[in-house]
Amino acid sequence: MARFTFRLETVYRWKQWQEEAARDQWVQAHRRLNQARAELLLLESELGALGERLPGGVIDGSTLQAWAQYAARTREEAARQQEEVSRAESVAEEARDRLVHASQERRLFERLREKAWMRYIRERERQEQREQDELAVVRAARERMRGREAGPEESPVGWVEGAMG
């Protein structure tokens, strides 16, 4: 019997490749998201610490103005970073959706391949059984031929045939 071939093997391999590519994209998007979140966390920590850094006592106007400008700039950076986190979350979610879709398609072709394999195995078993049956018929025919050559008195098959005829 011919060896197993899955007629959609090329498509199956392509689906595997697409899933791997989608997984790589998702991992990359997730890394960017984690990095953006870490940067936001640093900025938020910086904002929280700003009040503690303000010197106590009397502060001159220029120091207070510089501190206020720094605080405003840090808040703006934190707001921009929050937008970056939101964008990175969207990109990561889209990448996850593509990965889920690619995985589903690959699994579909995997199930088709498994079904084709099971059909192949069943057909191979049927073929082997047919061959075994043919061998049994040939052996039985040989035994009958040997029995006829031995004569009716030596063969139980011949005894029955001799008694009938």
N, C-alpha and C. Protein backbone atom coordinates (compact mmCIF):
# COMPACT_ATOMS: atom_id res chain seq x y z
N MET A 1 0.84 -1.18 0.00
CA MET A 1 0.00 0.00 0.00
C MET A 1 0.89 1.24 0.00
N ALA A 2 0.43 2.27 -0.66
CA ALA A 2 1.20 3.51 -0.75
C ALA A 2 1.31 4.16 0.62
N ARG A 3 2.36 4.94 0.82
CA ARG A 3 2.53 5.60 2.10
C ARG A 3 1.51 6.72 2.26
N PHE A 4 1.31 7.16 3.48
CA PHE A 4 0.31 8.17 3.80
C PHE A 4 0.69 9.53 3.21
N THR A 5 -0.26 10.14 2.55
CA THR A 5 -0.10 11.52 2.10
C THR A 5 -1.39 12.26 2.41
N PHE A 6 -1.26 13.46 2.94
CA PHE A 6 -2.40 14.32 3.22
C PHE A 6 -2.47 15.32 2.09
N ARG A 7 -3.56 15.30 1.36
CA ARG A 7 -3.63 16.12 0.15
C ARG A 7 -3.60 17.62 0.46
N LEU A 8 -3.91 18.01 1.69
CA LEU A 8 -3.87 19.42 2.08
C LEU A 8 -2.65 19.73 2.94
N GLU A 9 -1.60 18.93 2.81
CA GLU A 9 -0.40 19.10 3.63
C GLU A 9 0.21 20.48 3.45
N THR A 10 0.24 20.98 2.22
CA THR A 10 0.82 22.30 1.96
C THR A 10 0.03 23.38 2.68
N VAL A 11 -1.29 23.28 2.61
CA VAL A 11 -2.14 24.26 3.30
C VAL A 11 -1.94 24.15 4.80
N TYR A 12 -1.87 22.92 5.30
CA TYR A 12 -1.65 22.69 6.74
C TYR A 12 -0.34 23.34 7.19
N ARG A 13 0.72 23.13 6.44
CA ARG A 13 2.02 23.73 6.79
C ARG A 13 1.93 25.26 6.76
N TRP A 14 1.22 25.79 5.77
CA TRP A 14 1.04 27.24 5.67
C TRP A 14 0.30 27.77 6.91
N LYS A 15 -0.71 27.06 7.36
CA LYS A 15 -1.47 27.46 8.55
C LYS A 15 -0.58 27.40 9.79
N GLN A 16 0.29 26.41 9.86
CA GLN A 16 1.23 26.34 10.98
C GLN A 16 2.16 27.56 10.97
N TRP A 17 2.64 27.90 9.79
CA TRP A 17 3.54 29.06 9.67
C TRP A 17 2.80 30.33 10.06
N GLN A 18 1.55 30.48 9.62
CA GLN A 18 0.78 31.67 9.97
C GLN A 18 0.57 31.76 11.48
N GLU A 19 0.32 30.64 12.10
CA GLU A 19 0.13 30.65 13.56
C GLU A 19 1.43 31.06 14.26
N GLU A 20 2.55 30.53 13.81
CA GLU A 20 3.83 30.91 14.41
C GLU A 20 4.10 32.40 14.24
N ALA A 21 3.82 32.92 13.04
CA ALA A 21 4.02 34.35 12.79
C ALA A 21 3.10 35.18 13.68
N ALA A 22 1.85 34.76 13.82
CA ALA A 22 0.90 35.48 14.67
C ALA A 22 1.36 35.43 16.13
N ARG A 23 1.90 34.30 16.55
CA ARG A 23 2.40 34.18 17.93
C ARG A 23 3.58 35.13 18.14
N ASP A 24 4.48 35.19 17.18
CA ASP A 24 5.62 36.09 17.28
C ASP A 24 5.16 37.54 17.37
N GLN A 25 4.17 37.91 16.55
CA GLN A 25 3.63 39.27 16.58
C GLN A 25 2.99 39.58 17.93
N TRP A 26 2.26 38.60 18.47
CA TRP A 26 1.61 38.80 19.76
C TRP A 26 2.65 38.99 20.87
N VAL A 27 3.70 38.17 20.84
CA VAL A 27 4.76 38.29 21.85
C VAL A 27 5.41 39.66 21.75
N GLN A 28 5.69 40.09 20.53
CA GLN A 28 6.32 41.40 20.34
C GLN A 28 5.39 42.52 20.82
N ALA A 29 4.11 42.44 20.50
CA ALA A 29 3.15 43.46 20.94
C ALA A 29 3.03 43.46 22.46
N HIS A 30 3.07 42.29 23.05
CA HIS A 30 2.97 42.20 24.51
C HIS A 30 4.21 42.79 25.18
N ARG A 31 5.37 42.58 24.57
CA ARG A 31 6.60 43.18 25.12
C ARG A 31 6.50 44.70 25.09
N ARG A 32 6.03 45.23 23.94
CA ARG A 32 5.89 46.69 23.83
C ARG A 32 4.90 47.21 24.87
N LEU A 33 3.81 46.47 25.07
CA LEU A 33 2.82 46.88 26.06
C LEU A 33 3.43 46.89 27.46
N ASN A 34 4.15 45.85 27.81
CA ASN A 34 4.79 45.79 29.13
C ASN A 34 5.80 46.92 29.32
N GLN A 35 6.53 47.22 28.26
CA GLN A 35 7.51 48.31 28.33
C GLN A 35 6.79 49.64 28.52
N ALA A 36 5.71 49.87 27.78
CA ALA A 36 4.95 51.12 27.91
C ALA A 36 4.36 51.24 29.31
N ARG A 37 3.86 50.14 29.86
CA ARG A 37 3.31 50.17 31.22
C ARG A 37 4.39 50.47 32.25
N ALA A 38 5.58 49.90 32.05
CA ALA A 38 6.69 50.15 32.98
C ALA A 38 7.09 51.62 32.95
N GLU A 39 7.15 52.19 31.75
CA GLU A 39 7.50 53.61 31.63
C GLU A 39 6.43 54.48 32.28
N LEU A 40 5.17 54.13 32.12
CA LEU A 40 4.09 54.88 32.76
C LEU A 40 4.20 54.78 34.28
N LEU A 41 4.50 53.61 34.76
CA LEU A 41 4.66 53.41 36.20
C LEU A 41 5.78 54.29 36.76
N LEU A 42 6.88 54.40 36.01
CA LEU A 42 7.98 55.27 36.44
C LEU A 42 7.54 56.72 36.51
N LEU A 43 6.80 57.16 35.48
CA LEU A 43 6.33 58.54 35.47
C LEU A 43 5.34 58.80 36.60
N GLU A 44 4.47 57.84 36.86
CA GLU A 44 3.52 58.01 37.97
C GLU A 44 4.25 58.04 39.31
N SER A 45 5.29 57.24 39.44
CA SER A 45 6.10 57.27 40.67
C SER A 45 6.78 58.62 40.82
N GLU A 46 7.27 59.12 39.71
CA GLU A 46 7.92 60.44 39.71
C GLU A 46 6.92 61.52 40.14
N LEU A 47 5.70 61.44 39.61
CA LEU A 47 4.68 62.42 40.00
C LEU A 47 4.35 62.31 41.48
N GLY A 48 4.27 61.09 41.97
CA GLY A 48 3.98 60.91 43.40
C GLY A 48 5.08 61.44 44.29
N ALA A 49 6.30 61.37 43.82
CA ALA A 49 7.44 61.82 44.62
C ALA A 49 7.68 63.32 44.50
N LEU A 50 7.02 63.98 43.57
CA LEU A 50 7.26 65.42 43.38
C LEU A 50 6.96 66.22 44.64
N GLY A 51 5.88 65.92 45.29
CA GLY A 51 5.52 66.66 46.50
C GLY A 51 6.55 66.50 47.60
N GLU A 52 7.15 65.33 47.66
CA GLU A 52 8.15 65.09 48.69
C GLU A 52 9.45 65.83 48.40
N ARG A 53 9.69 66.12 47.13
CA ARG A 53 10.95 66.78 46.76
C ARG A 53 10.89 68.30 46.95
N LEU A 54 9.71 68.81 47.09
CA LEU A 54 9.58 70.27 47.27
C LEU A 54 10.23 70.64 48.60
N PRO A 55 11.21 71.51 48.52
CA PRO A 55 11.92 71.86 49.75
C PRO A 55 10.96 72.54 50.74
N GLY A 56 11.14 72.24 51.99
CA GLY A 56 10.31 72.85 53.02
C GLY A 56 10.79 74.27 53.31
N GLY A 57 9.97 74.97 53.99
CA GLY A 57 10.35 76.33 54.37
C GLY A 57 10.05 77.32 53.27
N VAL A 58 10.76 78.40 53.30
CA VAL A 58 10.55 79.49 52.35
C VAL A 58 11.18 79.11 51.01
N ILE A 59 10.40 79.27 49.93
CA ILE A 59 10.88 78.95 48.59
C ILE A 59 10.79 80.22 47.77
N ASP A 60 11.85 80.52 47.04
CA ASP A 60 11.78 81.71 46.19
C ASP A 60 10.95 81.41 44.96
N GLY A 61 10.52 82.42 44.27
CA GLY A 61 9.62 82.30 43.12
C GLY A 61 10.19 81.48 41.98
N SER A 62 11.47 81.65 41.68
CA SER A 62 12.06 80.94 40.55
C SER A 62 12.11 79.43 40.83
N THR A 63 12.40 79.05 42.05
CA THR A 63 12.44 77.62 42.41
C THR A 63 11.05 77.03 42.32
N LEU A 64 10.07 77.78 42.83
CA LEU A 64 8.69 77.30 42.78
C LEU A 64 8.21 77.19 41.34
N GLN A 65 8.59 78.16 40.50
CA GLN A 65 8.20 78.13 39.09
C GLN A 65 8.87 76.95 38.37
N ALA A 66 10.13 76.71 38.63
CA ALA A 66 10.84 75.59 38.01
C ALA A 66 10.21 74.27 38.45
N TRP A 67 9.88 74.17 39.72
CA TRP A 67 9.24 72.95 40.24
C TRP A 67 7.89 72.74 39.57
N ALA A 68 7.10 73.81 39.42
CA ALA A 68 5.77 73.73 38.80
C ALA A 68 5.89 73.33 37.33
N GLN A 69 6.88 73.89 36.61
CA GLN A 69 7.09 73.53 35.21
C GLN A 69 7.49 72.05 35.08
N TYR A 70 8.36 71.61 35.97
CA TYR A 70 8.79 70.21 35.95
C TYR A 70 7.60 69.30 36.22
N ALA A 71 6.78 69.66 37.18
CA ALA A 71 5.60 68.86 37.51
C ALA A 71 4.63 68.82 36.33
N ALA A 72 4.42 69.97 35.67
CA ALA A 72 3.51 70.03 34.52
C ALA A 72 4.04 69.17 33.38
N ARG A 73 5.33 69.28 33.12
CA ARG A 73 5.95 68.49 32.04
C ARG A 73 5.86 66.98 32.36
N THR A 74 6.07 66.62 33.59
CA THR A 74 5.98 65.21 33.99
C THR A 74 4.55 64.70 33.84
N ARG A 75 3.55 65.54 34.21
CA ARG A 75 2.15 65.14 34.03
C ARG A 75 1.81 64.97 32.54
N GLU A 76 2.33 65.87 31.70
CA GLU A 76 2.10 65.76 30.25
C GLU A 76 2.73 64.47 29.70
N GLU A 77 3.94 64.19 30.15
CA GLU A 77 4.60 62.95 29.71
C GLU A 77 3.81 61.73 30.17
N ALA A 78 3.30 61.77 31.39
CA ALA A 78 2.50 60.66 31.90
C ALA A 78 1.22 60.49 31.08
N ALA A 79 0.59 61.61 30.70
CA ALA A 79 -0.63 61.55 29.88
C ALA A 79 -0.31 60.95 28.50
N ARG A 80 0.80 61.41 27.89
CA ARG A 80 1.21 60.84 26.60
C ARG A 80 1.53 59.35 26.74
N GLN A 81 2.18 59.01 27.83
CA GLN A 81 2.53 57.60 28.04
C GLN A 81 1.27 56.77 28.26
N GLN A 82 0.26 57.33 28.92
CA GLN A 82 -1.00 56.61 29.09
C GLN A 82 -1.65 56.35 27.73
N GLU A 83 -1.56 57.33 26.82
CA GLU A 83 -2.07 57.13 25.46
C GLU A 83 -1.28 56.03 24.75
N GLU A 84 0.03 56.03 24.97
CA GLU A 84 0.88 54.98 24.37
C GLU A 84 0.49 53.61 24.91
N VAL A 85 0.21 53.53 26.20
CA VAL A 85 -0.22 52.26 26.80
C VAL A 85 -1.54 51.82 26.17
N SER A 86 -2.46 52.76 25.98
CA SER A 86 -3.75 52.43 25.36
C SER A 86 -3.56 51.90 23.94
N ARG A 87 -2.69 52.57 23.17
CA ARG A 87 -2.41 52.10 21.81
C ARG A 87 -1.77 50.71 21.84
N ALA A 88 -0.82 50.53 22.74
CA ALA A 88 -0.14 49.23 22.85
C ALA A 88 -1.12 48.14 23.26
N GLU A 89 -2.09 48.47 24.12
CA GLU A 89 -3.11 47.49 24.50
C GLU A 89 -3.96 47.10 23.30
N SER A 90 -4.31 48.10 22.48
CA SER A 90 -5.10 47.81 21.27
C SER A 90 -4.33 46.91 20.31
N VAL A 91 -3.07 47.24 20.10
CA VAL A 91 -2.23 46.44 19.20
C VAL A 91 -2.08 45.02 19.75
N ALA A 92 -1.87 44.89 21.05
CA ALA A 92 -1.72 43.56 21.65
C ALA A 92 -3.03 42.77 21.54
N GLU A 93 -4.15 43.44 21.72
CA GLU A 93 -5.45 42.75 21.61
C GLU A 93 -5.69 42.29 20.17
N GLU A 94 -5.37 43.14 19.20
CA GLU A 94 -5.51 42.74 17.79
C GLU A 94 -4.59 41.56 17.47
N ALA A 95 -3.37 41.62 17.98
CA ALA A 95 -2.43 40.52 17.75
C ALA A 95 -2.94 39.23 18.40
N ARG A 96 -3.54 39.34 19.57
CA ARG A 96 -4.10 38.16 20.24
C ARG A 96 -5.25 37.59 19.42
N ASP A 97 -6.11 38.47 18.88
CA ASP A 97 -7.22 38.01 18.05
C ASP A 97 -6.72 37.27 16.81
N ARG A 98 -5.66 37.82 16.18
CA ARG A 98 -5.09 37.16 15.00
C ARG A 98 -4.50 35.80 15.38
N LEU A 99 -3.87 35.73 16.54
CA LEU A 99 -3.30 34.46 17.01
C LEU A 99 -4.39 33.44 17.26
N VAL A 100 -5.48 33.86 17.90
CA VAL A 100 -6.59 32.94 18.17
C VAL A 100 -7.16 32.42 16.86
N HIS A 101 -7.36 33.32 15.90
CA HIS A 101 -7.90 32.92 14.59
C HIS A 101 -6.95 31.96 13.88
N ALA A 102 -5.68 32.28 13.87
CA ALA A 102 -4.69 31.42 13.20
C ALA A 102 -4.62 30.05 13.88
N SER A 103 -4.72 30.03 15.20
CA SER A 103 -4.69 28.75 15.93
C SER A 103 -5.91 27.91 15.59
N GLN A 104 -7.07 28.55 15.50
CA GLN A 104 -8.29 27.82 15.15
C GLN A 104 -8.18 27.21 13.76
N GLU A 105 -7.67 27.99 12.82
CA GLU A 105 -7.53 27.48 11.45
C GLU A 105 -6.53 26.32 11.40
N ARG A 106 -5.42 26.46 12.10
CA ARG A 106 -4.43 25.39 12.12
C ARG A 106 -5.02 24.12 12.73
N ARG A 107 -5.77 24.29 13.83
CA ARG A 107 -6.39 23.12 14.48
C ARG A 107 -7.40 22.45 13.55
N LEU A 108 -8.12 23.25 12.77
CA LEU A 108 -9.08 22.68 11.81
C LEU A 108 -8.35 21.75 10.83
N PHE A 109 -7.26 22.23 10.27
CA PHE A 109 -6.51 21.41 9.32
C PHE A 109 -5.82 20.24 10.02
N GLU A 110 -5.47 20.43 11.27
CA GLU A 110 -4.88 19.32 12.03
C GLU A 110 -5.91 18.20 12.22
N ARG A 111 -7.15 18.59 12.53
CA ARG A 111 -8.21 17.58 12.67
C ARG A 111 -8.47 16.88 11.34
N LEU A 112 -8.47 17.64 10.24
CA LEU A 112 -8.65 17.03 8.92
C LEU A 112 -7.52 16.03 8.63
N ARG A 113 -6.32 16.41 8.99
CA ARG A 113 -5.16 15.53 8.78
C ARG A 113 -5.29 14.26 9.62
N GLU A 114 -5.72 14.41 10.87
CA GLU A 114 -5.90 13.24 11.74
C GLU A 114 -6.98 12.31 11.18
N LYS A 115 -8.06 12.87 10.67
CA LYS A 115 -9.13 12.05 10.08
C LYS A 115 -8.60 11.30 8.85
N ALA A 116 -7.83 12.00 8.03
CA ALA A 116 -7.25 11.36 6.85
C ALA A 116 -6.30 10.24 7.27
N TRP A 117 -5.54 10.45 8.34
CA TRP A 117 -4.63 9.43 8.85
C TRP A 117 -5.41 8.21 9.32
N MET A 118 -6.51 8.44 10.04
CA MET A 118 -7.32 7.32 10.53
C MET A 118 -7.94 6.55 9.36
N ARG A 119 -8.39 7.25 8.32
CA ARG A 119 -8.91 6.56 7.14
C ARG A 119 -7.82 5.71 6.51
N TYR A 120 -6.62 6.26 6.42
CA TYR A 120 -5.48 5.54 5.85
C TYR A 120 -5.20 4.27 6.67
N ILE A 121 -5.18 4.40 7.99
CA ILE A 121 -4.91 3.25 8.87
C ILE A 121 -6.00 2.19 8.69
N ARG A 122 -7.27 2.61 8.68
CA ARG A 122 -8.36 1.64 8.50
C ARG A 122 -8.25 0.94 7.15
N GLU A 123 -7.94 1.68 6.09
CA GLU A 123 -7.80 1.08 4.77
C GLU A 123 -6.61 0.12 4.74
N ARG A 124 -5.53 0.50 5.39
CA ARG A 124 -4.36 -0.38 5.44
C ARG A 124 -4.70 -1.67 6.19
N GLU A 125 -5.44 -1.55 7.28
CA GLU A 125 -5.85 -2.74 8.03
C GLU A 125 -6.76 -3.63 7.19
N ARG A 126 -7.70 -3.00 6.45
CA ARG A 126 -8.58 -3.79 5.57
C ARG A 126 -7.77 -4.50 4.50
N GLN A 127 -6.79 -3.80 3.93
CA GLN A 127 -5.94 -4.39 2.91
C GLN A 127 -5.16 -5.57 3.48
N GLU A 128 -4.61 -5.40 4.67
CA GLU A 128 -3.87 -6.49 5.30
C GLU A 128 -4.79 -7.67 5.58
N GLN A 129 -6.03 -7.39 6.00
CA GLN A 129 -6.99 -8.47 6.26
C GLN A 129 -7.33 -9.21 4.97
N ARG A 130 -7.52 -8.45 3.86
CA ARG A 130 -7.78 -9.09 2.57
C ARG A 130 -6.63 -10.00 2.18
N GLU A 131 -5.41 -9.51 2.37
CA GLU A 131 -4.24 -10.32 2.03
C GLU A 131 -4.17 -11.57 2.89
N GLN A 132 -4.47 -11.44 4.17
CA GLN A 132 -4.49 -12.61 5.06
C GLN A 132 -5.57 -13.59 4.64
N ASP A 133 -6.74 -13.07 4.27
CA ASP A 133 -7.83 -13.93 3.81
C ASP A 133 -7.43 -14.67 2.54
N GLU A 134 -6.79 -13.96 1.60
CA GLU A 134 -6.35 -14.60 0.36
C GLU A 134 -5.33 -15.70 0.65
N LEU A 135 -4.40 -15.42 1.56
CA LEU A 135 -3.42 -16.44 1.93
C LEU A 135 -4.10 -17.66 2.54
N ALA A 136 -5.10 -17.43 3.37
CA ALA A 136 -5.82 -18.55 3.99
C ALA A 136 -6.54 -19.37 2.93
N VAL A 137 -7.15 -18.71 1.94
CA VAL A 137 -7.83 -19.43 0.86
C VAL A 137 -6.83 -20.25 0.06
N VAL A 138 -5.68 -19.66 -0.25
CA VAL A 138 -4.65 -20.38 -1.01
C VAL A 138 -4.16 -21.58 -0.22
N ARG A 139 -3.91 -21.40 1.08
CA ARG A 139 -3.46 -22.52 1.92
C ARG A 139 -4.51 -23.63 1.96
N ALA A 140 -5.76 -23.24 2.11
CA ALA A 140 -6.84 -24.24 2.17
C ALA A 140 -6.93 -24.99 0.85
N ALA A 141 -6.78 -24.27 -0.26
CA ALA A 141 -6.83 -24.92 -1.58
C ALA A 141 -5.67 -25.90 -1.73
N ARG A 142 -4.50 -25.52 -1.27
CA ARG A 142 -3.35 -26.42 -1.34
C ARG A 142 -3.60 -27.68 -0.52
N GLU A 143 -4.14 -27.48 0.67
CA GLU A 143 -4.43 -28.63 1.54
C GLU A 143 -5.43 -29.56 0.86
N ARG A 144 -6.45 -29.01 0.22
CA ARG A 144 -7.42 -29.85 -0.49
C ARG A 144 -6.77 -30.59 -1.64
N MET A 145 -5.88 -29.89 -2.34
CA MET A 145 -5.19 -30.53 -3.47
C MET A 145 -4.31 -31.67 -2.96
N ARG A 146 -3.63 -31.46 -1.87
CA ARG A 146 -2.80 -32.52 -1.30
C ARG A 146 -3.68 -33.69 -0.86
N GLY A 147 -4.83 -33.38 -0.33
CA GLY A 147 -5.75 -34.41 0.10
C GLY A 147 -6.25 -35.24 -1.06
N ARG A 148 -6.52 -34.65 -2.19
CA ARG A 148 -6.97 -35.38 -3.38
C ARG A 148 -5.86 -36.24 -3.95
N GLU A 149 -4.64 -35.70 -3.91
CA GLU A 149 -3.50 -36.46 -4.42
C GLU A 149 -3.24 -37.69 -3.56
N ALA A 150 -3.54 -37.61 -2.29
CA ALA A 150 -3.30 -38.74 -1.38
C ALA A 150 -4.32 -39.85 -1.61
N GLY A 151 -5.44 -39.55 -2.18
CA GLY A 151 -6.46 -40.57 -2.43
C GLY A 151 -7.54 -40.51 -1.38
N PRO A 152 -8.72 -41.08 -1.70
CA PRO A 152 -9.84 -40.99 -0.78
C PRO A 152 -9.63 -41.77 0.49
N GLU A 153 -8.90 -42.88 0.45
CA GLU A 153 -8.72 -43.67 1.67
C GLU A 153 -7.78 -43.00 2.66
N GLU A 154 -6.91 -42.08 2.20
CA GLU A 154 -5.96 -41.44 3.09
C GLU A 154 -6.42 -40.07 3.56
N SER A 155 -7.41 -39.50 2.92
CA SER A 155 -7.83 -38.14 3.23
C SER A 155 -9.25 -38.12 3.75
N PRO A 156 -9.48 -37.45 4.87
CA PRO A 156 -10.84 -37.35 5.36
C PRO A 156 -11.74 -36.66 4.36
N VAL A 157 -11.22 -35.70 3.61
CA VAL A 157 -12.02 -35.03 2.59
C VAL A 157 -12.37 -36.04 1.51
N GLY A 158 -11.41 -36.85 1.16
CA GLY A 158 -11.64 -37.89 0.15
C GLY A 158 -12.64 -38.92 0.60
N TRP A 159 -12.66 -39.23 1.90
CA TRP A 159 -13.62 -40.21 2.42
C TRP A 159 -15.03 -39.73 2.19
N VAL A 160 -15.23 -38.46 2.47
CA VAL A 160 -16.58 -37.91 2.28
C VAL A 160 -16.92 -37.91 0.80
N GLU A 161 -15.98 -37.50 -0.03
CA GLU A 161 -16.24 -37.46 -1.46
C GLU A 161 -16.45 -38.87 -2.00
N GLY A 162 -15.65 -39.85 -1.49
CA GLY A 162 -15.79 -41.24 -1.94
C GLY A 162 -17.12 -41.83 -1.52
N ALA A 163 -17.59 -41.48 -0.35
CA ALA A 163 -18.84 -42.02 0.15
C ALA A 163 -20.04 -41.46 -0.59
N MET A 164 -19.91 -40.27 -1.10
CA MET A 164 -21.02 -39.62 -1.79
C MET A 164 -21.10 -40.07 -3.23
N GLY A 165 -20.01 -40.43 -3.80
CA GLY A 165 -20.02 -40.64 -5.22
C GLY A 165 -19.92 -42.00 -5.63
